Protein backbone atom coordinates (compact mmCIF):
# COMPACT_ATOMS: atom_id res chain seq x y z
CA UNK A 1 0.00 0.00 0.00
CA UNK A 2 1.32 3.46 -0.91
CA UNK A 3 2.44 5.69 1.90
CA UNK A 4 -0.02 8.53 2.62
CA UNK A 5 1.24 11.97 1.59
CA UNK A 6 0.90 13.35 5.13
CA UNK A 7 3.28 10.62 6.39
CA UNK A 8 6.04 11.47 3.88
CA UNK A 9 8.90 13.92 4.20
CA UNK A 10 8.73 17.38 2.63
CA UNK A 11 11.48 16.44 0.15
CA UNK A 12 9.57 13.30 -0.94
CA UNK A 13 6.47 15.45 -1.55
CA UNK A 14 8.42 17.99 -3.63
CA UNK A 15 10.23 15.27 -5.60
CA UNK A 16 6.91 13.63 -6.46
CA UNK A 17 5.37 17.00 -7.36
CA UNK A 18 8.20 17.86 -9.74
CA UNK A 19 8.31 14.41 -11.35
CA UNK A 20 4.56 14.10 -11.89
CA UNK A 21 3.47 17.70 -12.55
CA UNK A 22 6.41 18.58 -14.79
CA UNK A 23 8.00 15.36 -16.01
CA UNK A 24 4.80 13.36 -16.52
CA UNK A 25 2.42 16.31 -17.16
CA UNK A 26 0.07 14.62 -14.67
CA UNK A 27 -2.43 17.23 -13.48
CA UNK A 28 -4.06 14.82 -11.02
CA UNK A 29 -1.08 15.39 -8.73
CA UNK A 30 -2.41 18.90 -8.06
CA UNK A 31 -5.41 17.43 -6.20
CA UNK A 32 -3.15 15.13 -4.21
CA UNK A 33 -0.17 17.30 -3.27
CA UNK A 34 -1.28 20.94 -3.44
CA UNK A 35 -3.20 22.64 -0.64
CA UNK A 36 -6.32 24.67 -1.41
CA UNK A 37 -5.68 27.55 -1.57
CA UNK A 38 -2.04 27.53 -2.60
CA UNK A 39 0.15 30.64 -2.22
CA UNK A 40 2.71 31.54 -4.89
CA UNK A 41 5.34 34.27 -4.45
CA UNK A 42 7.08 35.38 -7.66
CA UNK A 43 8.46 38.46 -9.36
CA UNK A 44 4.83 39.25 -10.28
CA UNK A 45 3.91 39.41 -6.58
CA UNK A 46 2.10 37.13 -4.15
CA UNK A 47 -1.12 35.43 -5.15
CA UNK A 48 -3.36 32.66 -3.96
CA UNK A 49 -4.24 30.07 -6.59
CA UNK A 50 -6.96 27.47 -6.44
CA UNK A 51 -6.18 23.97 -7.64
CA UNK A 52 -8.15 24.64 -10.83
CA UNK A 53 -6.17 27.83 -11.46
CA UNK A 54 -2.90 25.99 -10.87
CA UNK A 55 -3.94 23.27 -13.34
CA UNK A 56 -4.63 25.99 -15.92
CA UNK A 57 -1.18 27.49 -15.24
CA UNK A 58 0.44 24.08 -15.71
CA UNK A 59 -1.41 23.56 -19.02
CA UNK A 60 0.11 26.81 -20.28
CA UNK A 61 3.59 25.70 -19.23
CA UNK A 62 2.98 22.38 -20.99
CA UNK A 63 2.24 24.27 -24.23
CA UNK A 64 5.56 26.08 -23.87
CA UNK A 65 7.64 23.06 -22.80
CA UNK A 66 5.84 19.89 -23.85
CA UNK A 67 6.91 17.04 -21.58
CA UNK A 68 10.23 18.41 -20.33
CA UNK A 69 13.26 16.66 -18.96
CA UNK A 70 13.94 17.76 -15.38
CA UNK A 71 17.39 18.15 -13.92
CA UNK A 72 17.65 18.88 -10.20
CA UNK A 73 20.92 20.75 -9.81
CA UNK A 74 20.74 21.48 -6.08
CA UNK A 75 18.34 20.63 -3.27
CA UNK A 76 18.42 21.66 0.39
CA UNK A 77 15.85 20.79 3.05
CA UNK A 78 15.27 23.02 6.06
CA UNK A 79 12.39 21.78 8.22
CA UNK A 80 9.17 22.20 6.24
CA UNK A 81 10.92 24.00 3.34
CA UNK A 82 12.59 22.41 0.32
CA UNK A 83 14.92 24.62 -1.71
CA UNK A 84 15.53 23.47 -5.30
CA UNK A 85 17.48 24.70 -8.29
CA UNK A 86 16.18 22.89 -11.34
CA UNK A 87 16.39 23.01 -15.10
CA UNK A 88 13.58 22.04 -17.46
CA UNK A 89 14.37 21.28 -21.09
CA UNK A 90 11.54 20.82 -23.53
CA UNK A 91 10.05 22.03 -26.77
CA UNK A 92 7.16 24.33 -27.54
CA UNK A 93 4.22 22.15 -28.59
CA UNK A 94 3.13 24.58 -31.31
CA UNK A 95 6.44 25.58 -32.89
CA UNK A 96 8.72 22.71 -31.86
CA UNK A 97 11.25 25.32 -30.72
CA UNK A 98 13.55 24.00 -27.96
CA UNK A 99 13.12 25.68 -24.58
CA UNK A 100 15.14 25.69 -21.40
CA UNK A 101 14.01 27.18 -18.10
CA UNK A 102 16.12 27.40 -14.95
CA UNK A 103 14.20 27.66 -11.67
CA UNK A 104 14.95 28.53 -8.08
CA UNK A 105 12.08 27.46 -5.85
CA UNK A 106 11.32 27.10 -2.19
CA UNK A 107 8.34 24.85 -1.46
CA UNK A 108 6.76 24.84 2.00
CA UNK A 109 5.03 21.59 2.90
CA UNK A 110 2.40 21.20 5.60
CA UNK A 111 0.43 18.02 6.40
CA UNK A 112 1.67 16.29 3.25
CA UNK A 113 0.75 19.10 0.84
CA UNK A 114 2.59 22.00 -0.72
CA UNK A 115 1.01 25.12 0.75
CA UNK A 116 3.36 27.78 -0.52
CA UNK A 117 6.12 28.36 -3.07
CA UNK A 118 8.61 31.15 -3.68
CA UNK A 119 9.82 31.00 -7.26
CA UNK A 120 12.15 32.70 -9.73
CA UNK A 121 12.88 31.51 -13.22
CA UNK A 122 14.83 32.50 -16.29
CA UNK A 123 14.06 31.26 -19.79
CA UNK A 124 16.88 30.20 -22.08
CA UNK A 125 19.54 31.39 -19.62
CA UNK A 126 22.14 28.95 -18.38
CA UNK A 127 22.63 29.09 -14.60
CA UNK A 128 25.67 26.84 -14.44
CA UNK A 129 27.33 25.90 -11.17
C-alpha atoms as a PDB file:
ATOM      1  CA  UNK A   1       0.000   0.000   0.000  1.00  0.00           C
ATOM      2  CA  UNK A   2       1.317   3.464  -0.905  1.00  0.00           C
ATOM      3  CA  UNK A   3       2.442   5.693   1.905  1.00  0.00           C
ATOM      4  CA  UNK A   4      -0.019   8.526   2.623  1.00  0.00           C
ATOM      5  CA  UNK A   5       1.245  11.967   1.594  1.00  0.00           C
ATOM      6  CA  UNK A   6       0.899  13.350   5.134  1.00  0.00           C
ATOM      7  CA  UNK A   7       3.283  10.622   6.388  1.00  0.00           C
ATOM      8  CA  UNK A   8       6.036  11.466   3.882  1.00  0.00           C
ATOM      9  CA  UNK A   9       8.904  13.924   4.204  1.00  0.00           C
ATOM     10  CA  UNK A  10       8.733  17.376   2.625  1.00  0.00           C
ATOM     11  CA  UNK A  11      11.479  16.436   0.155  1.00  0.00           C
ATOM     12  CA  UNK A  12       9.569  13.303  -0.937  1.00  0.00           C
ATOM     13  CA  UNK A  13       6.468  15.445  -1.550  1.00  0.00           C
ATOM     14  CA  UNK A  14       8.421  17.993  -3.627  1.00  0.00           C
ATOM     15  CA  UNK A  15      10.227  15.269  -5.596  1.00  0.00           C
ATOM     16  CA  UNK A  16       6.906  13.625  -6.464  1.00  0.00           C
ATOM     17  CA  UNK A  17       5.374  16.997  -7.358  1.00  0.00           C
ATOM     18  CA  UNK A  18       8.198  17.861  -9.738  1.00  0.00           C
ATOM     19  CA  UNK A  19       8.305  14.411 -11.346  1.00  0.00           C
ATOM     20  CA  UNK A  20       4.563  14.105 -11.891  1.00  0.00           C
ATOM     21  CA  UNK A  21       3.471  17.704 -12.548  1.00  0.00           C
ATOM     22  CA  UNK A  22       6.405  18.581 -14.790  1.00  0.00           C
ATOM     23  CA  UNK A  23       8.000  15.364 -16.008  1.00  0.00           C
ATOM     24  CA  UNK A  24       4.802  13.355 -16.522  1.00  0.00           C
ATOM     25  CA  UNK A  25       2.424  16.309 -17.163  1.00  0.00           C
ATOM     26  CA  UNK A  26       0.068  14.622 -14.672  1.00  0.00           C
ATOM     27  CA  UNK A  27      -2.426  17.232 -13.475  1.00  0.00           C
ATOM     28  CA  UNK A  28      -4.060  14.818 -11.021  1.00  0.00           C
ATOM     29  CA  UNK A  29      -1.080  15.393  -8.731  1.00  0.00           C
ATOM     30  CA  UNK A  30      -2.412  18.904  -8.063  1.00  0.00           C
ATOM     31  CA  UNK A  31      -5.412  17.434  -6.204  1.00  0.00           C
ATOM     32  CA  UNK A  32      -3.147  15.131  -4.208  1.00  0.00           C
ATOM     33  CA  UNK A  33      -0.168  17.300  -3.273  1.00  0.00           C
ATOM     34  CA  UNK A  34      -1.284  20.936  -3.441  1.00  0.00           C
ATOM     35  CA  UNK A  35      -3.200  22.645  -0.644  1.00  0.00           C
ATOM     36  CA  UNK A  36      -6.318  24.672  -1.414  1.00  0.00           C
ATOM     37  CA  UNK A  37      -5.679  27.553  -1.569  1.00  0.00           C
ATOM     38  CA  UNK A  38      -2.042  27.528  -2.598  1.00  0.00           C
ATOM     39  CA  UNK A  39       0.154  30.642  -2.219  1.00  0.00           C
ATOM     40  CA  UNK A  40       2.713  31.541  -4.893  1.00  0.00           C
ATOM     41  CA  UNK A  41       5.338  34.266  -4.452  1.00  0.00           C
ATOM     42  CA  UNK A  42       7.077  35.381  -7.657  1.00  0.00           C
ATOM     43  CA  UNK A  43       8.463  38.464  -9.361  1.00  0.00           C
ATOM     44  CA  UNK A  44       4.829  39.246 -10.276  1.00  0.00           C
ATOM     45  CA  UNK A  45       3.909  39.408  -6.579  1.00  0.00           C
ATOM     46  CA  UNK A  46       2.102  37.134  -4.153  1.00  0.00           C
ATOM     47  CA  UNK A  47      -1.117  35.434  -5.146  1.00  0.00           C
ATOM     48  CA  UNK A  48      -3.362  32.665  -3.964  1.00  0.00           C
ATOM     49  CA  UNK A  49      -4.237  30.073  -6.594  1.00  0.00           C
ATOM     50  CA  UNK A  50      -6.960  27.468  -6.438  1.00  0.00           C
ATOM     51  CA  UNK A  51      -6.176  23.965  -7.636  1.00  0.00           C
ATOM     52  CA  UNK A  52      -8.148  24.643 -10.828  1.00  0.00           C
ATOM     53  CA  UNK A  53      -6.166  27.834 -11.459  1.00  0.00           C
ATOM     54  CA  UNK A  54      -2.900  25.986 -10.869  1.00  0.00           C
ATOM     55  CA  UNK A  55      -3.939  23.274 -13.342  1.00  0.00           C
ATOM     56  CA  UNK A  56      -4.628  25.993 -15.923  1.00  0.00           C
ATOM     57  CA  UNK A  57      -1.179  27.486 -15.237  1.00  0.00           C
ATOM     58  CA  UNK A  58       0.444  24.080 -15.714  1.00  0.00           C
ATOM     59  CA  UNK A  59      -1.413  23.559 -19.016  1.00  0.00           C
ATOM     60  CA  UNK A  60       0.114  26.813 -20.279  1.00  0.00           C
ATOM     61  CA  UNK A  61       3.593  25.698 -19.234  1.00  0.00           C
ATOM     62  CA  UNK A  62       2.979  22.382 -20.994  1.00  0.00           C
ATOM     63  CA  UNK A  63       2.243  24.268 -24.227  1.00  0.00           C
ATOM     64  CA  UNK A  64       5.561  26.080 -23.870  1.00  0.00           C
ATOM     65  CA  UNK A  65       7.638  23.061 -22.803  1.00  0.00           C
ATOM     66  CA  UNK A  66       5.835  19.888 -23.854  1.00  0.00           C
ATOM     67  CA  UNK A  67       6.906  17.044 -21.581  1.00  0.00           C
ATOM     68  CA  UNK A  68      10.226  18.415 -20.326  1.00  0.00           C
ATOM     69  CA  UNK A  69      13.259  16.662 -18.962  1.00  0.00           C
ATOM     70  CA  UNK A  70      13.937  17.763 -15.381  1.00  0.00           C
ATOM     71  CA  UNK A  71      17.395  18.146 -13.921  1.00  0.00           C
ATOM     72  CA  UNK A  72      17.645  18.879 -10.202  1.00  0.00           C
ATOM     73  CA  UNK A  73      20.916  20.746  -9.809  1.00  0.00           C
ATOM     74  CA  UNK A  74      20.736  21.483  -6.076  1.00  0.00           C
ATOM     75  CA  UNK A  75      18.342  20.635  -3.271  1.00  0.00           C
ATOM     76  CA  UNK A  76      18.416  21.656   0.388  1.00  0.00           C
ATOM     77  CA  UNK A  77      15.851  20.793   3.051  1.00  0.00           C
ATOM     78  CA  UNK A  78      15.266  23.017   6.065  1.00  0.00           C
ATOM     79  CA  UNK A  79      12.385  21.779   8.225  1.00  0.00           C
ATOM     80  CA  UNK A  80       9.167  22.200   6.238  1.00  0.00           C
ATOM     81  CA  UNK A  81      10.921  24.002   3.341  1.00  0.00           C
ATOM     82  CA  UNK A  82      12.588  22.408   0.319  1.00  0.00           C
ATOM     83  CA  UNK A  83      14.922  24.616  -1.711  1.00  0.00           C
ATOM     84  CA  UNK A  84      15.526  23.471  -5.297  1.00  0.00           C
ATOM     85  CA  UNK A  85      17.481  24.703  -8.285  1.00  0.00           C
ATOM     86  CA  UNK A  86      16.177  22.889 -11.338  1.00  0.00           C
ATOM     87  CA  UNK A  87      16.390  23.008 -15.098  1.00  0.00           C
ATOM     88  CA  UNK A  88      13.582  22.044 -17.457  1.00  0.00           C
ATOM     89  CA  UNK A  89      14.372  21.278 -21.095  1.00  0.00           C
ATOM     90  CA  UNK A  90      11.537  20.818 -23.530  1.00  0.00           C
ATOM     91  CA  UNK A  91      10.053  22.029 -26.773  1.00  0.00           C
ATOM     92  CA  UNK A  92       7.160  24.332 -27.542  1.00  0.00           C
ATOM     93  CA  UNK A  93       4.224  22.154 -28.588  1.00  0.00           C
ATOM     94  CA  UNK A  94       3.130  24.583 -31.310  1.00  0.00           C
ATOM     95  CA  UNK A  95       6.445  25.585 -32.885  1.00  0.00           C
ATOM     96  CA  UNK A  96       8.720  22.708 -31.857  1.00  0.00           C
ATOM     97  CA  UNK A  97      11.247  25.319 -30.723  1.00  0.00           C
ATOM     98  CA  UNK A  98      13.553  24.001 -27.963  1.00  0.00           C
ATOM     99  CA  UNK A  99      13.120  25.678 -24.577  1.00  0.00           C
ATOM    100  CA  UNK A 100      15.140  25.694 -21.403  1.00  0.00           C
ATOM    101  CA  UNK A 101      14.013  27.184 -18.096  1.00  0.00           C
ATOM    102  CA  UNK A 102      16.121  27.396 -14.948  1.00  0.00           C
ATOM    103  CA  UNK A 103      14.198  27.656 -11.667  1.00  0.00           C
ATOM    104  CA  UNK A 104      14.955  28.530  -8.076  1.00  0.00           C
ATOM    105  CA  UNK A 105      12.083  27.459  -5.854  1.00  0.00           C
ATOM    106  CA  UNK A 106      11.319  27.103  -2.187  1.00  0.00           C
ATOM    107  CA  UNK A 107       8.340  24.849  -1.463  1.00  0.00           C
ATOM    108  CA  UNK A 108       6.758  24.837   1.996  1.00  0.00           C
ATOM    109  CA  UNK A 109       5.030  21.589   2.903  1.00  0.00           C
ATOM    110  CA  UNK A 110       2.398  21.199   5.604  1.00  0.00           C
ATOM    111  CA  UNK A 111       0.434  18.017   6.396  1.00  0.00           C
ATOM    112  CA  UNK A 112       1.674  16.291   3.247  1.00  0.00           C
ATOM    113  CA  UNK A 113       0.754  19.100   0.838  1.00  0.00           C
ATOM    114  CA  UNK A 114       2.594  21.998  -0.722  1.00  0.00           C
ATOM    115  CA  UNK A 115       1.008  25.116   0.750  1.00  0.00           C
ATOM    116  CA  UNK A 116       3.358  27.782  -0.525  1.00  0.00           C
ATOM    117  CA  UNK A 117       6.117  28.359  -3.070  1.00  0.00           C
ATOM    118  CA  UNK A 118       8.614  31.145  -3.681  1.00  0.00           C
ATOM    119  CA  UNK A 119       9.820  30.998  -7.263  1.00  0.00           C
ATOM    120  CA  UNK A 120      12.145  32.705  -9.728  1.00  0.00           C
ATOM    121  CA  UNK A 121      12.876  31.507 -13.223  1.00  0.00           C
ATOM    122  CA  UNK A 122      14.833  32.500 -16.289  1.00  0.00           C
ATOM    123  CA  UNK A 123      14.065  31.257 -19.785  1.00  0.00           C
ATOM    124  CA  UNK A 124      16.876  30.202 -22.083  1.00  0.00           C
ATOM    125  CA  UNK A 125      19.540  31.388 -19.624  1.00  0.00           C
ATOM    126  CA  UNK A 126      22.137  28.949 -18.377  1.00  0.00           C
ATOM    127  CA  UNK A 127      22.627  29.087 -14.604  1.00  0.00           C
ATOM    128  CA  UNK A 128      25.675  26.842 -14.442  1.00  0.00           C
ATOM    129  CA  UNK A 129      27.333  25.905 -11.168  1.00  0.00           C
END
